[in-house]
Amino acid sequence: MVDVQPLDASELDAADRVMRLAFGSFLGLPDPSKALGDTDYVRTRWRADPSAAFGAHIDGRLVGSNFAANWGSVGFVGPLTTHPEVWDRHVGSRLMEPVMSCFDRWGTHLAGLFTFAHSPKHIGLYQKFGFWPRFLTAIMTKTIGAPAVAGVPVATTLFSEVPVLERDSTLDELRRLTDGIFAGLDLSSEVRAVAEQRLGDTVIARDDAGALAGFAICHCGAGTEAGSGVCYVKFAAARSAADFSTTLDAAEAFAAGRQAARILAGMNAGRPEAYRLLADRGFQVVRQGVAMQRPNEPGYNRAGVFVIDDWR
């Protein structure tokens, strides 16, 4: 019998081991336990919101976990992983149930996830819960070098540098930008999680008049969702193509300042201008998956939207 309960802090190491073994086994790695290197998804997402982290147990043993993220009117699932020994025993379905309850409680308007595009089993699982495959999401990377980011012509602020008494007003400013892209989209929880856990920083780009042009939430280094030598743009948004370019300039400069060798970003192909802009800047696709959404609607995946996110 599968018992699903909130994931306890004492179970984080076990959940991390199961996650690596699951991904490594599915991908056919010689040593599945080494999957994902020194990245960390389990602990960072648990710390961000323990009430949205769940573990599955059989005979008292942890055999899987799942997480939900709350971005205001938007929420996403994962990573959902189960031990290979219990594959095909409906553990994944059981782990989806409390996540869907989170979305109901939060009043989520658009729920999404990232999964393997070539796996009917994964897609079939999520379709049972009303998620439908939409566009491919390309995981894109670029080598960082100081010459590419020298003399960036944009005023940049890091959220970590914002005085404590001004942080709420700064989050309000970021929220107004994302609300204009999709009503209720709010990345405050991600900005706070990165700041509180010291996972990286949020890069805030402004135009010559001091108005917000865009921002990028970045993880950097081991023990984050980036891994050693990598700056991972978990989310970025900008007002226009020009502002998106300057926001990426600022993110690349931040990555160079953190001695990252590469910058990594996930781009939904349903935002064609943003996708092309990354490609034109030298980002190359290293792998891809599919974004699934509930309900089966475009959301903010449409022309003229300059957003980076990959819902992994």
Protein backbone atom coordinates (compact mmCIF):
# COMPACT_ATOMS: atom_id res chain seq x y z
CA MET A 1 0.00 0.00 0.00
CA VAL A 2 1.31 3.45 -0.95
CA ASP A 3 1.19 6.07 1.80
CA VAL A 4 1.71 9.70 0.72
CA GLN A 5 2.53 12.30 3.36
CA PRO A 6 4.25 15.70 3.53
CA LEU A 7 7.97 15.20 3.02
CA ASP A 8 9.83 15.47 6.33
CA ALA A 9 13.19 17.20 6.71
CA SER A 10 14.70 13.90 7.88
CA GLU A 11 13.81 12.35 4.49
CA LEU A 12 15.58 14.83 2.23
CA ASP A 13 18.72 12.74 1.75
CA ALA A 14 16.63 9.67 0.89
CA ALA A 15 14.46 11.70 -1.52
CA ASP A 16 17.58 13.06 -3.21
CA ARG A 17 18.97 9.54 -3.68
CA VAL A 18 15.70 8.28 -5.18
CA MET A 19 15.51 11.28 -7.54
CA ARG A 20 19.03 10.68 -8.90
CA LEU A 21 18.48 6.95 -9.24
CA ALA A 22 15.19 7.52 -11.08
CA PHE A 23 16.60 10.00 -13.59
CA GLY A 24 19.82 8.04 -14.05
CA SER A 25 17.97 4.76 -14.63
CA PHE A 26 15.54 6.29 -17.11
CA LEU A 27 18.40 7.88 -19.06
CA GLY A 28 20.42 4.65 -19.03
CA LEU A 29 23.49 6.03 -17.25
CA PRO A 30 26.24 3.53 -16.30
CA ASP A 31 25.94 4.65 -12.66
CA PRO A 32 22.41 6.02 -12.20
CA SER A 33 23.18 7.33 -8.70
CA LYS A 34 25.53 9.92 -10.23
CA ALA A 35 22.78 11.60 -12.26
CA LEU A 36 22.47 15.42 -12.04
CA GLY A 37 25.96 15.91 -10.63
CA ASP A 38 26.14 18.36 -7.74
CA THR A 39 22.85 20.10 -8.49
CA ASP A 40 20.20 20.12 -5.77
CA TYR A 41 16.48 20.14 -6.44
CA VAL A 42 15.08 18.31 -3.42
CA ARG A 43 16.50 20.41 -0.61
CA THR A 44 16.12 23.77 -2.35
CA ARG A 45 12.46 23.16 -3.24
CA TRP A 46 11.65 21.73 0.16
CA ARG A 47 13.14 24.79 1.90
CA ALA A 48 11.22 27.10 -0.43
CA ASP A 49 7.88 25.61 0.72
CA PRO A 50 7.82 22.46 2.90
CA SER A 51 4.01 22.42 2.71
CA ALA A 52 4.23 21.73 -1.04
CA ALA A 53 6.65 18.78 -0.84
CA PHE A 54 5.38 15.21 -0.60
CA GLY A 55 6.86 11.76 -0.10
CA ALA A 56 5.51 8.33 -1.00
CA HIS A 57 6.18 5.38 1.30
CA ILE A 58 5.73 1.63 1.01
CA ASP A 59 6.14 -0.34 4.24
CA GLY A 60 7.63 2.77 5.85
CA ARG A 61 10.31 3.22 3.17
CA LEU A 62 10.49 6.39 1.07
CA VAL A 63 10.07 5.41 -2.59
CA GLY A 64 9.31 8.74 -4.27
CA SER A 65 8.70 12.45 -3.94
CA ASN A 66 6.97 15.33 -5.68
CA PHE A 67 6.91 19.11 -5.34
CA ALA A 68 4.64 22.00 -6.30
CA ALA A 69 5.69 25.61 -6.95
CA ASN A 70 3.43 28.62 -6.49
CA TRP A 71 3.96 31.51 -8.91
CA GLY A 72 0.75 33.35 -8.11
CA SER A 73 -1.81 32.42 -10.75
CA VAL A 74 0.70 29.92 -12.19
CA GLY A 75 1.92 26.72 -10.59
CA PHE A 76 4.14 23.89 -11.73
CA VAL A 77 4.82 20.28 -10.82
CA GLY A 78 8.06 18.54 -10.00
CA PRO A 79 10.41 17.02 -10.01
CA LEU A 80 8.24 13.92 -9.56
CA THR A 81 10.46 10.86 -9.15
CA THR A 82 9.96 7.30 -7.93
CA HIS A 83 12.38 4.45 -7.23
CA PRO A 84 12.78 2.17 -10.28
CA GLU A 85 11.72 -0.79 -8.13
CA VAL A 86 8.18 0.66 -7.88
CA TRP A 87 7.73 1.83 -11.45
CA ASP A 88 4.34 0.73 -12.83
CA ARG A 89 2.86 0.52 -9.33
CA HIS A 90 0.96 3.82 -9.66
CA VAL A 91 3.15 5.64 -7.13
CA GLY A 92 3.48 8.61 -9.48
CA SER A 93 -0.29 8.99 -9.65
CA ARG A 94 -0.53 8.96 -5.87
CA LEU A 95 2.14 11.67 -5.67
CA MET A 96 0.22 13.85 -8.08
CA GLU A 97 -2.88 13.94 -5.89
CA PRO A 98 -1.57 16.25 -3.12
CA VAL A 99 0.07 18.53 -5.71
CA MET A 100 -3.27 18.98 -7.44
CA SER A 101 -4.77 19.79 -4.05
CA CYS A 102 -2.12 22.51 -3.65
CA PHE A 103 -3.20 24.06 -6.94
CA ASP A 104 -6.83 23.97 -5.81
CA ARG A 105 -5.93 25.61 -2.50
CA TRP A 106 -3.82 28.30 -4.15
CA GLY A 107 -6.40 29.08 -6.82
CA THR A 108 -3.92 28.28 -9.60
CA HIS A 109 -5.23 29.37 -13.02
CA LEU A 110 -2.48 27.76 -15.14
CA ALA A 111 -0.60 24.64 -14.03
CA GLY A 112 2.34 23.25 -15.94
CA LEU A 113 5.25 20.84 -15.96
CA PHE A 114 8.27 19.77 -18.00
CA THR A 115 8.65 16.13 -19.01
CA PHE A 116 10.33 13.85 -21.52
CA ALA A 117 8.82 14.45 -24.95
CA HIS A 118 9.69 10.94 -26.14
CA SER A 119 8.05 9.09 -23.23
CA PRO A 120 4.40 8.05 -23.70
CA LYS A 121 4.39 6.78 -20.13
CA HIS A 122 5.27 10.19 -18.66
CA ILE A 123 2.85 12.05 -20.90
CA GLY A 124 0.11 9.53 -20.17
CA LEU A 125 0.52 9.93 -16.42
CA TYR A 126 0.06 13.69 -16.55
CA GLN A 127 -2.79 13.54 -19.03
CA LYS A 128 -4.76 11.63 -16.39
CA PHE A 129 -4.65 14.83 -14.34
CA GLY A 130 -5.73 17.14 -17.16
CA PHE A 131 -2.30 18.20 -18.45
CA TRP A 132 -1.80 18.33 -22.20
CA PRO A 133 1.43 18.55 -24.22
CA ARG A 134 1.96 21.92 -25.82
CA PHE A 135 5.28 23.21 -27.21
CA LEU A 136 8.77 21.80 -26.92
CA THR A 137 11.01 23.44 -24.34
CA ALA A 138 14.66 23.66 -25.36
CA ILE A 139 17.35 23.61 -22.69
CA MET A 140 19.91 25.99 -24.15
CA THR A 141 23.43 26.84 -23.06
CA LYS A 142 26.16 29.30 -23.92
CA THR A 143 29.80 29.57 -22.94
CA ILE A 144 30.53 32.64 -20.85
CA GLY A 145 33.55 34.80 -21.53
CA ALA A 146 34.51 38.23 -20.24
CA PRO A 147 34.83 39.83 -23.70
CA ALA A 148 31.21 38.97 -24.52
CA VAL A 149 29.89 40.93 -21.57
CA ALA A 150 32.37 43.78 -21.26
CA GLY A 151 30.87 47.24 -21.03
CA VAL A 152 27.26 46.17 -20.66
CA PRO A 153 25.18 49.31 -21.42
CA VAL A 154 22.51 48.77 -18.81
CA ALA A 155 21.95 49.81 -15.20
CA THR A 156 21.84 46.63 -13.15
CA THR A 157 20.82 45.98 -9.56
CA LEU A 158 21.00 42.71 -7.66
CA PHE A 159 18.12 41.89 -5.34
CA SER A 160 20.66 41.09 -2.63
CA GLU A 161 21.81 44.72 -2.81
CA VAL A 162 18.31 46.17 -2.36
CA PRO A 163 17.87 47.59 1.18
CA VAL A 164 15.62 45.38 3.29
CA LEU A 165 13.00 48.11 3.68
CA GLU A 166 12.77 48.49 -0.11
CA ARG A 167 12.47 44.80 -1.00
CA ASP A 168 8.69 44.62 -0.84
CA SER A 169 8.35 47.57 -3.20
CA THR A 170 10.92 45.99 -5.54
CA LEU A 171 8.91 42.75 -5.58
CA ASP A 172 5.81 44.79 -6.35
CA GLU A 173 7.63 46.29 -9.32
CA LEU A 174 8.63 42.85 -10.63
CA ARG A 175 5.07 41.64 -10.08
CA ARG A 176 3.63 44.45 -12.19
CA LEU A 177 5.87 43.38 -15.07
CA THR A 178 4.86 39.69 -14.89
CA ASP A 179 1.19 40.53 -14.32
CA GLY A 180 1.26 42.38 -17.63
CA ILE A 181 2.48 39.16 -19.29
CA PHE A 182 -0.05 36.84 -17.62
CA ALA A 183 -2.58 38.05 -15.07
CA GLY A 184 -1.50 37.09 -11.57
CA LEU A 185 1.92 35.68 -12.51
CA ASP A 186 4.10 36.42 -9.48
CA LEU A 187 7.71 35.26 -8.98
CA SER A 188 8.09 36.68 -5.47
CA SER A 189 8.44 33.22 -3.93
CA GLU A 190 11.32 32.34 -6.28
CA VAL A 191 13.11 35.64 -5.70
CA ARG A 192 12.83 35.17 -1.93
CA ALA A 193 13.93 31.53 -2.07
CA VAL A 194 17.08 32.40 -4.02
CA ALA A 195 17.88 35.24 -1.60
CA GLU A 196 17.15 33.33 1.61
CA GLN A 197 18.97 30.18 0.55
CA ARG A 198 21.85 32.05 -1.12
CA LEU A 199 21.38 30.10 -4.33
CA GLY A 200 22.46 32.96 -6.59
CA ASP A 201 20.69 36.28 -7.11
CA THR A 202 17.98 38.09 -9.03
CA VAL A 203 19.42 40.44 -11.64
CA ILE A 204 17.28 43.55 -12.20
CA ALA A 205 17.88 45.55 -15.39
CA ARG A 206 16.69 49.16 -15.86
CA ASP A 207 16.52 51.51 -18.80
CA ASP A 208 18.12 54.93 -19.02
CA ALA A 209 15.15 56.50 -17.22
CA GLY A 210 15.44 54.04 -14.34
CA ALA A 211 12.31 52.08 -15.27
CA LEU A 212 12.31 48.31 -14.94
CA ALA A 213 13.34 46.70 -18.24
CA GLY A 214 13.46 43.10 -17.05
CA PHE A 215 14.80 40.70 -14.45
CA ALA A 216 16.42 37.27 -14.29
CA ILE A 217 16.33 34.85 -11.35
CA CYS A 218 19.66 33.02 -11.40
CA HIS A 219 21.03 29.97 -9.59
CA CYS A 220 24.81 29.61 -9.50
CA GLY A 221 27.11 26.77 -8.52
CA ALA A 222 27.06 23.52 -6.59
CA GLY A 223 24.13 22.82 -4.29
CA THR A 224 21.71 24.81 -6.45
CA GLU A 225 19.67 23.91 -9.53
CA ALA A 226 22.62 25.07 -11.65
CA GLY A 227 25.56 22.90 -10.57
CA SER A 228 29.27 23.67 -10.58
CA GLY A 229 30.47 26.15 -13.17
CA VAL A 230 26.95 26.99 -14.33
CA CYS A 231 24.62 29.98 -14.02
CA TYR A 232 21.05 28.76 -14.51
CA VAL A 233 18.40 31.32 -15.43
CA LYS A 234 15.38 29.75 -13.75
CA PHE A 235 13.09 32.59 -14.82
CA ALA A 236 13.47 35.83 -16.72
CA ALA A 237 11.01 38.37 -18.08
CA ALA A 238 11.31 41.61 -20.04
CA ARG A 239 9.01 44.20 -21.59
CA SER A 240 10.25 43.91 -25.18
CA ALA A 241 12.86 42.33 -27.43
CA ALA A 242 15.30 45.17 -26.72
CA ASP A 243 14.72 44.90 -22.98
CA PHE A 244 15.08 41.12 -23.17
CA SER A 245 18.47 41.55 -24.82
CA THR A 246 19.69 43.97 -22.16
CA THR A 247 18.36 41.69 -19.41
CA LEU A 248 20.35 38.82 -20.91
CA ASP A 249 23.40 41.09 -21.09
CA ALA A 250 22.98 41.71 -17.37
CA ALA A 251 22.51 38.00 -16.62
CA GLU A 252 25.62 37.07 -18.59
CA ALA A 253 27.63 39.76 -16.80
CA PHE A 254 26.40 38.37 -13.48
CA ALA A 255 27.39 34.85 -14.55
CA ALA A 256 30.86 36.05 -15.55
CA GLY A 257 31.20 37.79 -12.20
CA ARG A 258 30.43 34.49 -10.47
CA GLN A 259 33.11 32.75 -12.58
CA ALA A 260 30.52 30.55 -14.28
CA ALA A 261 31.77 28.79 -17.40
CA ARG A 262 28.29 28.44 -18.90
CA ILE A 263 24.88 30.04 -18.70
CA LEU A 264 21.84 27.76 -19.00
CA ALA A 265 18.24 28.66 -19.85
CA GLY A 266 15.06 26.83 -20.83
CA MET A 267 13.04 28.38 -23.65
CA ASN A 268 9.53 27.38 -24.65
CA ALA A 269 9.23 27.26 -28.44
CA GLY A 270 5.80 28.89 -28.15
CA ARG A 271 7.61 32.23 -27.64
CA PRO A 272 9.24 32.40 -31.06
CA GLU A 273 10.90 35.82 -30.90
CA ALA A 274 12.48 35.07 -27.51
CA TYR A 275 13.62 31.66 -28.75
CA ARG A 276 15.26 33.20 -31.83
CA LEU A 277 16.92 35.89 -29.76
CA LEU A 278 18.62 33.27 -27.56
CA ALA A 279 19.77 31.38 -30.65
CA ASP A 280 21.10 34.58 -32.23
CA ARG A 281 23.11 35.27 -29.07
CA GLY A 282 24.91 31.93 -29.38
CA PHE A 283 22.79 29.74 -27.13
CA GLN A 284 22.71 26.14 -28.37
CA VAL A 285 20.15 23.43 -27.60
CA VAL A 286 21.61 20.62 -25.47
CA ARG A 287 18.35 18.72 -24.86
CA GLN A 288 14.65 19.30 -25.00
CA GLY A 289 11.41 18.21 -23.40
CA VAL A 290 7.77 19.15 -23.67
CA ALA A 291 5.78 21.61 -21.58
CA MET A 292 2.41 20.24 -20.50
CA GLN A 293 -0.34 22.59 -19.29
CA ARG A 294 -3.64 22.49 -17.51
CA PRO A 295 -5.93 23.73 -18.95
CA ASN A 296 -4.95 23.05 -22.56
CA GLU A 297 -4.50 26.74 -23.44
CA PRO A 298 -1.55 28.87 -24.59
CA GLY A 299 -1.10 30.71 -21.28
CA TYR A 300 1.82 33.06 -21.86
CA ASN A 301 3.34 30.95 -24.63
CA ARG A 302 2.63 33.27 -27.52
CA ALA A 303 4.33 35.67 -29.89
CA GLY A 304 5.59 38.88 -28.34
CA VAL A 305 6.28 37.38 -24.90
CA PHE A 306 9.85 37.55 -23.64
CA VAL A 307 10.04 35.06 -20.81
CA ILE A 308 12.46 32.26 -19.87
CA ASP A 309 11.22 29.32 -17.80
CA ASP A 310 11.32 25.56 -18.25
CA TRP A 311 9.25 24.18 -15.34
CA ARG A 312 11.82 21.50 -14.51
